[in-house]
Amino acid sequence: MAQTQTAEPIFRAEARFQRISPQKARLVLDLIKGRRVEDAMNILTFTKKGVAPLVQKLLRSAVENANYLSQEKGLDVDLDRLVVRTAVANDGPRMKRVRPAPMGRAYRYQRRMAHIAITLGEKAGQNGAARAAAPDVEAAAKPKKSGAKHKAGAKKKTPAKKFAGKK
């Protein structure tokens, strides 16, 4: 049951309490997920979103973390084979603010913050590609089954609702 220590190293960088909405940050992070680091840097350079320079700085930091570990700790890391494994933007604390409104009222609104994290790993070899392909086949088969049930259920329920609403 004990697993061996042959797992590939993972390199991480995190930027916390960033003054950007997590929803806006996710738009940029989705562009680089699963890409090679070099491709991700090029994408971020030419992305016209305000959060793109911040994400690029964070990606550079993760690459430097990988470089440090490869030199100082003696890990065998090929920087050219690094891939963006995960890129997430989680909710941070919200700042509650008040905006003056007509007739002495006040409207409340929230300034959102994000915790952005990027994880890098080396590109999988032949064995990793074979293991990664097996779950994809299973995942592709599951939606077909659930989709067939969903379509059949939708056909039965839809006409009943339409006629009941018109009467």
N, C-alpha and C. Protein backbone atom coordinates (compact mmCIF):
# COMPACT_ATOMS: atom_id res chain seq x y z
N MET A 1 0.80 -1.19 0.00
CA MET A 1 0.00 0.00 0.00
C MET A 1 0.84 1.26 0.00
N ALA A 2 2.03 1.19 0.53
CA ALA A 2 2.89 2.37 0.59
C ALA A 2 3.38 2.73 -0.81
N GLN A 3 3.24 4.01 -1.14
CA GLN A 3 3.67 4.45 -2.46
C GLN A 3 5.13 4.87 -2.40
N THR A 4 5.80 4.73 -3.51
CA THR A 4 7.20 5.14 -3.56
C THR A 4 7.30 6.65 -3.75
N GLN A 5 8.46 7.21 -3.51
CA GLN A 5 8.70 8.64 -3.59
C GLN A 5 9.12 9.07 -4.99
N THR A 6 8.54 8.47 -6.03
CA THR A 6 8.92 8.79 -7.40
C THR A 6 7.99 9.83 -8.02
N ALA A 7 7.13 10.44 -7.22
CA ALA A 7 6.21 11.44 -7.76
C ALA A 7 7.01 12.65 -8.25
N GLU A 8 6.52 13.22 -9.32
CA GLU A 8 7.21 14.38 -9.88
C GLU A 8 7.08 15.59 -8.96
N PRO A 9 8.10 16.42 -8.91
CA PRO A 9 8.02 17.60 -8.04
C PRO A 9 7.02 18.63 -8.58
N ILE A 10 6.39 19.31 -7.67
CA ILE A 10 5.42 20.35 -8.02
C ILE A 10 5.93 21.67 -7.47
N PHE A 11 5.88 22.71 -8.29
CA PHE A 11 6.37 24.02 -7.92
C PHE A 11 5.20 24.98 -7.88
N ARG A 12 5.15 25.80 -6.83
CA ARG A 12 3.96 26.59 -6.57
C ARG A 12 4.34 28.03 -6.28
N ALA A 13 3.47 28.95 -6.69
CA ALA A 13 3.60 30.36 -6.34
C ALA A 13 2.20 30.88 -6.06
N GLU A 14 2.11 31.77 -5.08
CA GLU A 14 0.80 32.25 -4.67
C GLU A 14 0.86 33.75 -4.41
N ALA A 15 -0.15 34.45 -4.87
CA ALA A 15 -0.30 35.88 -4.61
C ALA A 15 -1.61 36.06 -3.86
N ARG A 16 -1.53 36.54 -2.64
CA ARG A 16 -2.73 36.65 -1.81
C ARG A 16 -3.16 38.10 -1.69
N PHE A 17 -4.44 38.29 -1.42
CA PHE A 17 -5.05 39.60 -1.18
C PHE A 17 -4.85 40.55 -2.36
N GLN A 18 -5.05 40.06 -3.55
CA GLN A 18 -4.91 40.88 -4.74
C GLN A 18 -6.23 41.60 -5.02
N ARG A 19 -6.15 42.88 -5.33
CA ARG A 19 -7.33 43.71 -5.53
C ARG A 19 -7.91 43.51 -6.92
N ILE A 20 -8.38 42.32 -7.18
CA ILE A 20 -9.04 41.99 -8.44
C ILE A 20 -10.14 40.98 -8.12
N SER A 21 -11.22 41.07 -8.80
CA SER A 21 -12.30 40.11 -8.59
C SER A 21 -11.83 38.71 -9.03
N PRO A 22 -12.12 37.68 -8.25
CA PRO A 22 -11.71 36.33 -8.65
C PRO A 22 -12.30 35.93 -10.00
N GLN A 23 -13.49 36.39 -10.29
CA GLN A 23 -14.12 36.06 -11.57
C GLN A 23 -13.31 36.62 -12.74
N LYS A 24 -12.81 37.84 -12.60
CA LYS A 24 -12.01 38.42 -13.67
C LYS A 24 -10.66 37.74 -13.78
N ALA A 25 -10.09 37.34 -12.64
CA ALA A 25 -8.80 36.65 -12.66
C ALA A 25 -8.93 35.28 -13.33
N ARG A 26 -10.05 34.61 -13.11
CA ARG A 26 -10.24 33.27 -13.69
C ARG A 26 -10.30 33.32 -15.22
N LEU A 27 -10.76 34.43 -15.78
CA LEU A 27 -10.79 34.55 -17.24
C LEU A 27 -9.39 34.42 -17.83
N VAL A 28 -8.41 35.02 -17.17
CA VAL A 28 -7.03 34.96 -17.66
C VAL A 28 -6.40 33.62 -17.29
N LEU A 29 -6.67 33.12 -16.09
CA LEU A 29 -6.06 31.86 -15.67
C LEU A 29 -6.51 30.68 -16.52
N ASP A 30 -7.75 30.74 -17.02
CA ASP A 30 -8.24 29.66 -17.88
C ASP A 30 -7.49 29.61 -19.21
N LEU A 31 -6.92 30.74 -19.62
CA LEU A 31 -6.16 30.76 -20.88
C LEU A 31 -4.86 29.97 -20.78
N ILE A 32 -4.27 29.89 -19.58
CA ILE A 32 -2.94 29.29 -19.45
C ILE A 32 -2.93 27.89 -18.84
N LYS A 33 -4.06 27.41 -18.35
CA LYS A 33 -4.09 26.08 -17.73
C LYS A 33 -3.69 25.02 -18.74
N GLY A 34 -2.79 24.14 -18.33
CA GLY A 34 -2.38 23.03 -19.17
C GLY A 34 -1.37 23.39 -20.25
N ARG A 35 -0.95 24.63 -20.32
CA ARG A 35 0.00 25.07 -21.36
C ARG A 35 1.44 24.95 -20.86
N ARG A 36 2.37 24.88 -21.81
CA ARG A 36 3.78 24.97 -21.47
C ARG A 36 4.05 26.38 -20.95
N VAL A 37 5.06 26.51 -20.10
CA VAL A 37 5.34 27.79 -19.46
C VAL A 37 5.68 28.85 -20.51
N GLU A 38 6.43 28.49 -21.51
CA GLU A 38 6.79 29.45 -22.56
C GLU A 38 5.55 29.95 -23.30
N ASP A 39 4.65 29.03 -23.63
CA ASP A 39 3.40 29.43 -24.30
C ASP A 39 2.54 30.31 -23.39
N ALA A 40 2.48 29.96 -22.12
CA ALA A 40 1.69 30.73 -21.16
C ALA A 40 2.23 32.16 -21.04
N MET A 41 3.56 32.30 -21.02
CA MET A 41 4.16 33.64 -20.94
C MET A 41 3.79 34.47 -22.17
N ASN A 42 3.83 33.86 -23.35
CA ASN A 42 3.46 34.58 -24.56
C ASN A 42 1.99 34.98 -24.55
N ILE A 43 1.14 34.10 -24.09
CA ILE A 43 -0.29 34.42 -24.01
C ILE A 43 -0.52 35.59 -23.07
N LEU A 44 0.13 35.56 -21.92
CA LEU A 44 -0.06 36.62 -20.93
C LEU A 44 0.50 37.96 -21.42
N THR A 45 1.56 37.90 -22.21
CA THR A 45 2.15 39.13 -22.72
C THR A 45 1.17 39.87 -23.63
N PHE A 46 0.40 39.13 -24.42
CA PHE A 46 -0.49 39.75 -25.39
C PHE A 46 -1.96 39.75 -24.97
N THR A 47 -2.24 39.43 -23.72
CA THR A 47 -3.62 39.46 -23.22
C THR A 47 -3.93 40.87 -22.74
N LYS A 48 -5.06 41.41 -23.17
CA LYS A 48 -5.42 42.79 -22.84
C LYS A 48 -6.31 42.89 -21.61
N LYS A 49 -6.01 42.12 -20.60
CA LYS A 49 -6.75 42.18 -19.34
C LYS A 49 -5.83 42.81 -18.29
N GLY A 50 -6.42 43.53 -17.36
CA GLY A 50 -5.63 44.22 -16.35
C GLY A 50 -4.90 43.29 -15.41
N VAL A 51 -5.41 42.08 -15.23
CA VAL A 51 -4.80 41.13 -14.30
C VAL A 51 -3.66 40.35 -14.97
N ALA A 52 -3.50 40.44 -16.27
CA ALA A 52 -2.50 39.65 -17.00
C ALA A 52 -1.07 39.90 -16.51
N PRO A 53 -0.64 41.17 -16.28
CA PRO A 53 0.72 41.37 -15.76
C PRO A 53 0.93 40.74 -14.38
N LEU A 54 -0.09 40.77 -13.55
CA LEU A 54 0.02 40.15 -12.22
C LEU A 54 0.18 38.64 -12.34
N VAL A 55 -0.59 38.02 -13.21
CA VAL A 55 -0.50 36.57 -13.41
C VAL A 55 0.86 36.22 -14.02
N GLN A 56 1.35 37.06 -14.92
CA GLN A 56 2.65 36.80 -15.53
C GLN A 56 3.77 36.87 -14.48
N LYS A 57 3.68 37.83 -13.59
CA LYS A 57 4.66 37.95 -12.51
C LYS A 57 4.61 36.73 -11.60
N LEU A 58 3.41 36.24 -11.34
CA LEU A 58 3.24 35.05 -10.51
C LEU A 58 3.80 33.81 -11.20
N LEU A 59 3.58 33.71 -12.50
CA LEU A 59 4.11 32.58 -13.26
C LEU A 59 5.63 32.60 -13.26
N ARG A 60 6.21 33.79 -13.42
CA ARG A 60 7.67 33.92 -13.35
C ARG A 60 8.20 33.48 -11.99
N SER A 61 7.47 33.82 -10.94
CA SER A 61 7.86 33.42 -9.59
C SER A 61 7.85 31.91 -9.44
N ALA A 62 6.84 31.24 -9.99
CA ALA A 62 6.77 29.78 -9.92
C ALA A 62 7.94 29.14 -10.68
N VAL A 63 8.29 29.73 -11.82
CA VAL A 63 9.43 29.21 -12.59
C VAL A 63 10.72 29.39 -11.81
N GLU A 64 10.86 30.53 -11.14
CA GLU A 64 12.06 30.75 -10.33
C GLU A 64 12.12 29.82 -9.13
N ASN A 65 10.96 29.48 -8.56
CA ASN A 65 10.92 28.49 -7.49
C ASN A 65 11.42 27.15 -8.00
N ALA A 66 11.02 26.79 -9.21
CA ALA A 66 11.48 25.53 -9.81
C ALA A 66 12.99 25.59 -10.07
N ASN A 67 13.46 26.73 -10.55
CA ASN A 67 14.89 26.90 -10.82
C ASN A 67 15.69 26.80 -9.53
N TYR A 68 15.20 27.41 -8.47
CA TYR A 68 15.90 27.37 -7.18
C TYR A 68 16.00 25.94 -6.66
N LEU A 69 14.89 25.22 -6.71
CA LEU A 69 14.91 23.85 -6.21
C LEU A 69 15.80 22.95 -7.05
N SER A 70 15.85 23.21 -8.36
CA SER A 70 16.70 22.37 -9.20
C SER A 70 18.18 22.63 -8.91
N GLN A 71 18.55 23.87 -8.58
CA GLN A 71 19.95 24.19 -8.32
C GLN A 71 20.36 23.90 -6.88
N GLU A 72 19.58 24.38 -5.94
CA GLU A 72 19.97 24.31 -4.54
C GLU A 72 19.67 22.96 -3.89
N LYS A 73 18.55 22.39 -4.19
CA LYS A 73 18.14 21.15 -3.54
C LYS A 73 18.56 19.91 -4.30
N GLY A 74 19.09 20.07 -5.50
CA GLY A 74 19.59 18.93 -6.26
C GLY A 74 18.50 18.15 -6.99
N LEU A 75 17.35 18.73 -7.17
CA LEU A 75 16.31 18.04 -7.94
C LEU A 75 16.62 18.14 -9.43
N ASP A 76 16.29 17.08 -10.16
CA ASP A 76 16.52 17.08 -11.60
C ASP A 76 15.27 17.62 -12.29
N VAL A 77 15.29 18.93 -12.62
CA VAL A 77 14.13 19.58 -13.22
C VAL A 77 14.54 20.19 -14.54
N ASP A 78 13.78 19.86 -15.59
CA ASP A 78 14.01 20.45 -16.90
C ASP A 78 13.03 21.61 -17.05
N LEU A 79 13.53 22.83 -17.01
CA LEU A 79 12.68 24.02 -17.03
C LEU A 79 11.92 24.16 -18.35
N ASP A 80 12.45 23.58 -19.43
CA ASP A 80 11.77 23.67 -20.73
C ASP A 80 10.55 22.77 -20.80
N ARG A 81 10.46 21.79 -19.91
CA ARG A 81 9.33 20.85 -19.94
C ARG A 81 8.26 21.19 -18.91
N LEU A 82 8.38 22.33 -18.25
CA LEU A 82 7.40 22.69 -17.23
C LEU A 82 6.06 23.06 -17.87
N VAL A 83 4.98 22.63 -17.20
CA VAL A 83 3.62 22.86 -17.67
C VAL A 83 2.82 23.45 -16.52
N VAL A 84 1.88 24.32 -16.84
CA VAL A 84 1.00 24.89 -15.81
C VAL A 84 -0.03 23.81 -15.45
N ARG A 85 0.12 23.23 -14.28
CA ARG A 85 -0.80 22.17 -13.84
C ARG A 85 -2.13 22.77 -13.40
N THR A 86 -2.07 23.69 -12.45
CA THR A 86 -3.29 24.32 -11.96
C THR A 86 -3.08 25.82 -11.89
N ALA A 87 -4.14 26.55 -12.09
CA ALA A 87 -4.13 28.00 -11.94
C ALA A 87 -5.52 28.37 -11.41
N VAL A 88 -5.56 28.76 -10.14
CA VAL A 88 -6.85 29.03 -9.50
C VAL A 88 -6.87 30.41 -8.88
N ALA A 89 -8.06 30.99 -8.83
CA ALA A 89 -8.29 32.26 -8.15
C ALA A 89 -9.42 32.03 -7.16
N ASN A 90 -9.08 32.04 -5.89
CA ASN A 90 -10.06 31.83 -4.83
C ASN A 90 -10.48 33.17 -4.25
N ASP A 91 -11.63 33.18 -3.60
CA ASP A 91 -12.12 34.40 -2.95
C ASP A 91 -11.25 34.76 -1.77
N GLY A 92 -10.96 36.04 -1.66
CA GLY A 92 -10.31 36.57 -0.47
C GLY A 92 -11.35 37.31 0.35
N PRO A 93 -10.93 38.04 1.35
CA PRO A 93 -11.91 38.82 2.12
C PRO A 93 -12.49 39.94 1.27
N ARG A 94 -13.67 40.37 1.63
CA ARG A 94 -14.33 41.44 0.89
C ARG A 94 -14.35 42.70 1.73
N MET A 95 -14.12 43.82 1.07
CA MET A 95 -14.19 45.10 1.76
C MET A 95 -15.59 45.67 1.53
N LYS A 96 -16.30 45.92 2.61
CA LYS A 96 -17.65 46.48 2.49
C LYS A 96 -17.55 48.00 2.41
N ARG A 97 -18.21 48.56 1.42
CA ARG A 97 -18.17 50.00 1.21
C ARG A 97 -19.59 50.54 1.09
N VAL A 98 -19.72 51.85 1.25
CA VAL A 98 -21.03 52.50 1.19
C VAL A 98 -20.95 53.62 0.16
N ARG A 99 -21.95 53.68 -0.70
CA ARG A 99 -22.03 54.74 -1.71
C ARG A 99 -23.26 55.60 -1.40
N PRO A 100 -23.10 56.90 -1.37
CA PRO A 100 -24.26 57.77 -1.11
C PRO A 100 -25.32 57.58 -2.20
N ALA A 101 -26.57 57.64 -1.77
CA ALA A 101 -27.69 57.45 -2.67
C ALA A 101 -28.67 58.61 -2.50
N PRO A 102 -29.64 58.72 -3.37
CA PRO A 102 -30.59 59.84 -3.27
C PRO A 102 -31.39 59.83 -1.97
N MET A 103 -31.81 61.00 -1.57
CA MET A 103 -32.69 61.21 -0.42
C MET A 103 -32.07 60.71 0.88
N GLY A 104 -30.77 60.88 1.02
CA GLY A 104 -30.10 60.53 2.27
C GLY A 104 -29.88 59.05 2.50
N ARG A 105 -30.14 58.25 1.51
CA ARG A 105 -29.93 56.81 1.66
C ARG A 105 -28.48 56.46 1.32
N ALA A 106 -28.16 55.19 1.52
CA ALA A 106 -26.82 54.71 1.19
C ALA A 106 -26.93 53.31 0.60
N TYR A 107 -26.17 53.07 -0.46
CA TYR A 107 -26.12 51.74 -1.08
C TYR A 107 -24.82 51.06 -0.68
N ARG A 108 -24.93 49.82 -0.26
CA ARG A 108 -23.72 49.06 0.11
C ARG A 108 -23.23 48.29 -1.11
N TYR A 109 -21.93 48.20 -1.23
CA TYR A 109 -21.33 47.36 -2.26
C TYR A 109 -20.06 46.75 -1.69
N GLN A 110 -19.51 45.77 -2.42
CA GLN A 110 -18.36 45.03 -1.92
C GLN A 110 -17.21 45.11 -2.91
N ARG A 111 -16.03 45.36 -2.37
CA ARG A 111 -14.80 45.30 -3.17
C ARG A 111 -14.20 43.92 -2.95
N ARG A 112 -14.07 43.18 -4.02
CA ARG A 112 -13.61 41.80 -3.87
C ARG A 112 -12.09 41.69 -3.99
N MET A 113 -11.55 40.65 -3.33
CA MET A 113 -10.13 40.33 -3.41
C MET A 113 -9.98 38.87 -3.82
N ALA A 114 -8.82 38.55 -4.34
CA ALA A 114 -8.58 37.18 -4.79
C ALA A 114 -7.25 36.67 -4.26
N HIS A 115 -7.20 35.38 -4.00
CA HIS A 115 -5.96 34.67 -3.72
C HIS A 115 -5.67 33.85 -4.98
N ILE A 116 -4.60 34.17 -5.68
CA ILE A 116 -4.28 33.50 -6.94
C ILE A 116 -3.12 32.54 -6.70
N ALA A 117 -3.25 31.31 -7.18
CA ALA A 117 -2.20 30.30 -7.01
C ALA A 117 -1.95 29.60 -8.34
N ILE A 118 -0.67 29.41 -8.65
CA ILE A 118 -0.26 28.70 -9.87
C ILE A 118 0.65 27.55 -9.47
N THR A 119 0.39 26.38 -10.04
CA THR A 119 1.19 25.20 -9.77
C THR A 119 1.80 24.70 -11.07
N LEU A 120 3.10 24.46 -11.05
CA LEU A 120 3.80 23.95 -12.23
C LEU A 120 4.27 22.52 -11.97
N GLY A 121 4.33 21.73 -13.02
CA GLY A 121 4.87 20.39 -12.95
C GLY A 121 5.53 20.06 -14.28
N GLU A 122 6.33 19.00 -14.28
CA GLU A 122 6.97 18.61 -15.53
C GLU A 122 5.99 17.87 -16.41
N LYS A 123 6.21 17.98 -17.71
CA LYS A 123 5.35 17.31 -18.69
C LYS A 123 5.47 15.81 -18.50
N ALA A 124 4.33 15.12 -18.50
CA ALA A 124 4.32 13.68 -18.28
C ALA A 124 4.97 12.96 -19.45
N GLY A 125 5.66 11.86 -19.12
CA GLY A 125 6.29 11.04 -20.15
C GLY A 125 5.31 10.06 -20.75
N GLN A 126 5.80 8.95 -21.29
CA GLN A 126 4.94 7.95 -21.92
C GLN A 126 4.00 7.30 -20.91
N ASN A 127 4.52 6.96 -19.71
CA ASN A 127 3.68 6.32 -18.70
C ASN A 127 2.60 7.27 -18.21
N GLY A 128 2.95 8.53 -18.00
CA GLY A 128 1.96 9.50 -17.54
C GLY A 128 0.87 9.74 -18.57
N ALA A 129 1.25 9.71 -19.85
CA ALA A 129 0.26 9.93 -20.90
C ALA A 129 -0.72 8.76 -20.96
N ALA A 130 -0.24 7.54 -20.74
CA ALA A 130 -1.12 6.38 -20.78
C ALA A 130 -2.10 6.41 -19.62
N ARG A 131 -1.61 6.83 -18.42
CA ARG A 131 -2.49 6.92 -17.27
C ARG A 131 -3.50 8.05 -17.43
N ALA A 132 -3.09 9.12 -18.05
CA ALA A 132 -3.99 10.26 -18.23
C ALA A 132 -5.08 9.95 -19.26
N ALA A 133 -4.79 9.09 -20.22
CA ALA A 133 -5.76 8.79 -21.27
C ALA A 133 -6.90 7.93 -20.75
N ALA A 134 -6.64 7.06 -19.79
CA ALA A 134 -7.69 6.17 -19.28
C ALA A 134 -8.84 6.93 -18.63
N PRO A 135 -8.62 7.90 -17.73
CA PRO A 135 -9.75 8.63 -17.16
C PRO A 135 -10.52 9.44 -18.19
N ASP A 136 -9.86 9.91 -19.24
CA ASP A 136 -10.56 10.67 -20.26
C ASP A 136 -11.60 9.82 -20.97
N VAL A 137 -11.28 8.54 -21.20
CA VAL A 137 -12.22 7.65 -21.86
C VAL A 137 -13.43 7.43 -20.96
N GLU A 138 -13.19 7.23 -19.66
CA GLU A 138 -14.30 7.03 -18.73
C GLU A 138 -15.14 8.30 -18.62
N ALA A 139 -14.49 9.43 -18.56
CA ALA A 139 -15.21 10.70 -18.43
C ALA A 139 -16.07 10.98 -19.67
N ALA A 140 -15.58 10.59 -20.83
CA ALA A 140 -16.33 10.81 -22.06
C ALA A 140 -17.57 9.92 -22.11
N ALA A 141 -17.49 8.74 -21.52
CA ALA A 141 -18.62 7.82 -21.55
C ALA A 141 -19.71 8.23 -20.56
N LYS A 142 -19.37 8.79 -19.42
CA LYS A 142 -20.35 9.13 -18.40
C LYS A 142 -21.35 10.19 -18.84
N PRO A 143 -20.92 11.31 -19.45
CA PRO A 143 -21.93 12.30 -19.84
C PRO A 143 -22.94 11.78 -20.85
N LYS A 144 -22.55 10.84 -21.70
CA LYS A 144 -23.49 10.29 -22.67
C LYS A 144 -24.64 9.58 -21.96
N LYS A 145 -24.31 8.84 -20.90
CA LYS A 145 -25.35 8.12 -20.17
C LYS A 145 -26.28 9.11 -19.48
N SER A 146 -25.70 10.06 -18.76
CA SER A 146 -26.53 11.00 -18.03
C SER A 146 -27.30 11.91 -18.99
N GLY A 147 -26.72 12.22 -20.14
CA GLY A 147 -27.40 13.06 -21.12
C GLY A 147 -28.63 12.38 -21.68
N ALA A 148 -28.58 11.06 -21.87
CA ALA A 148 -29.72 10.33 -22.40
C ALA A 148 -30.87 10.36 -21.40
N LYS A 149 -30.56 10.21 -20.11
CA LYS A 149 -31.60 10.25 -19.08
C LYS A 149 -32.20 11.65 -19.01
N HIS A 150 -31.34 12.64 -19.09
CA HIS A 150 -31.80 14.03 -18.99
C HIS A 150 -32.72 14.39 -20.14
N LYS A 151 -32.39 13.97 -21.35
CA LYS A 151 -33.21 14.29 -22.50
C LYS A 151 -34.57 13.61 -22.41
N ALA A 152 -34.57 12.33 -21.98
CA ALA A 152 -35.82 11.60 -21.87
C ALA A 152 -36.71 12.24 -20.82
N GLY A 153 -36.13 12.63 -19.69
CA GLY A 153 -36.91 13.25 -18.62
C GLY A 153 -37.44 14.61 -19.06
N ALA A 154 -36.68 15.35 -19.83
CA ALA A 154 -37.09 16.68 -20.25
C ALA A 154 -38.27 16.59 -21.22
N LYS A 155 -38.31 15.57 -22.07
CA LYS A 155 -39.40 15.44 -23.04
C LYS A 155 -40.71 15.16 -22.33
N LYS A 156 -40.69 14.39 -21.26
CA LYS A 156 -41.92 14.05 -20.56
C LYS A 156 -42.45 15.25 -19.78
N LYS A 157 -41.57 16.02 -19.15
CA LYS A 157 -42.00 17.09 -18.26
C LYS A 157 -42.38 18.36 -18.99
N THR A 158 -41.77 18.68 -20.10
CA THR A 158 -41.97 19.96 -20.75
C THR A 158 -43.40 20.19 -21.22
N PRO A 159 -44.04 19.27 -21.94
CA PRO A 159 -45.41 19.54 -22.38
C PRO A 159 -46.39 19.72 -21.22
N ALA A 160 -46.23 18.97 -20.15
CA ALA A 160 -47.15 19.07 -19.01
C ALA A 160 -47.07 20.47 -18.41
N LYS A 161 -45.90 21.04 -18.28
CA LYS A 161 -45.73 22.36 -17.69
C LYS A 161 -46.34 23.44 -18.59
N LYS A 162 -46.17 23.30 -19.90
CA LYS A 162 -46.69 24.32 -20.81
C LYS A 162 -48.21 24.38 -20.76
N PHE A 163 -48.87 23.21 -20.78
CA PHE A 163 -50.33 23.20 -20.77
C PHE A 163 -50.88 23.66 -19.43
N ALA A 164 -50.21 23.33 -18.33
CA ALA A 164 -50.70 23.73 -17.00
C ALA A 164 -50.59 25.24 -16.86
N GLY A 165 -49.55 25.86 -17.44
CA GLY A 165 -49.36 27.30 -17.29
C GLY A 165 -50.36 28.09 -18.12
N LYS A 166 -50.84 27.57 -19.24
CA LYS A 166 -51.76 28.31 -20.11
C LYS A 166 -53.19 28.31 -19.59
N LYS A 167 -53.56 27.31 -18.82
CA LYS A 167 -54.95 27.21 -18.36
C LYS A 167 -55.26 28.15 -17.28
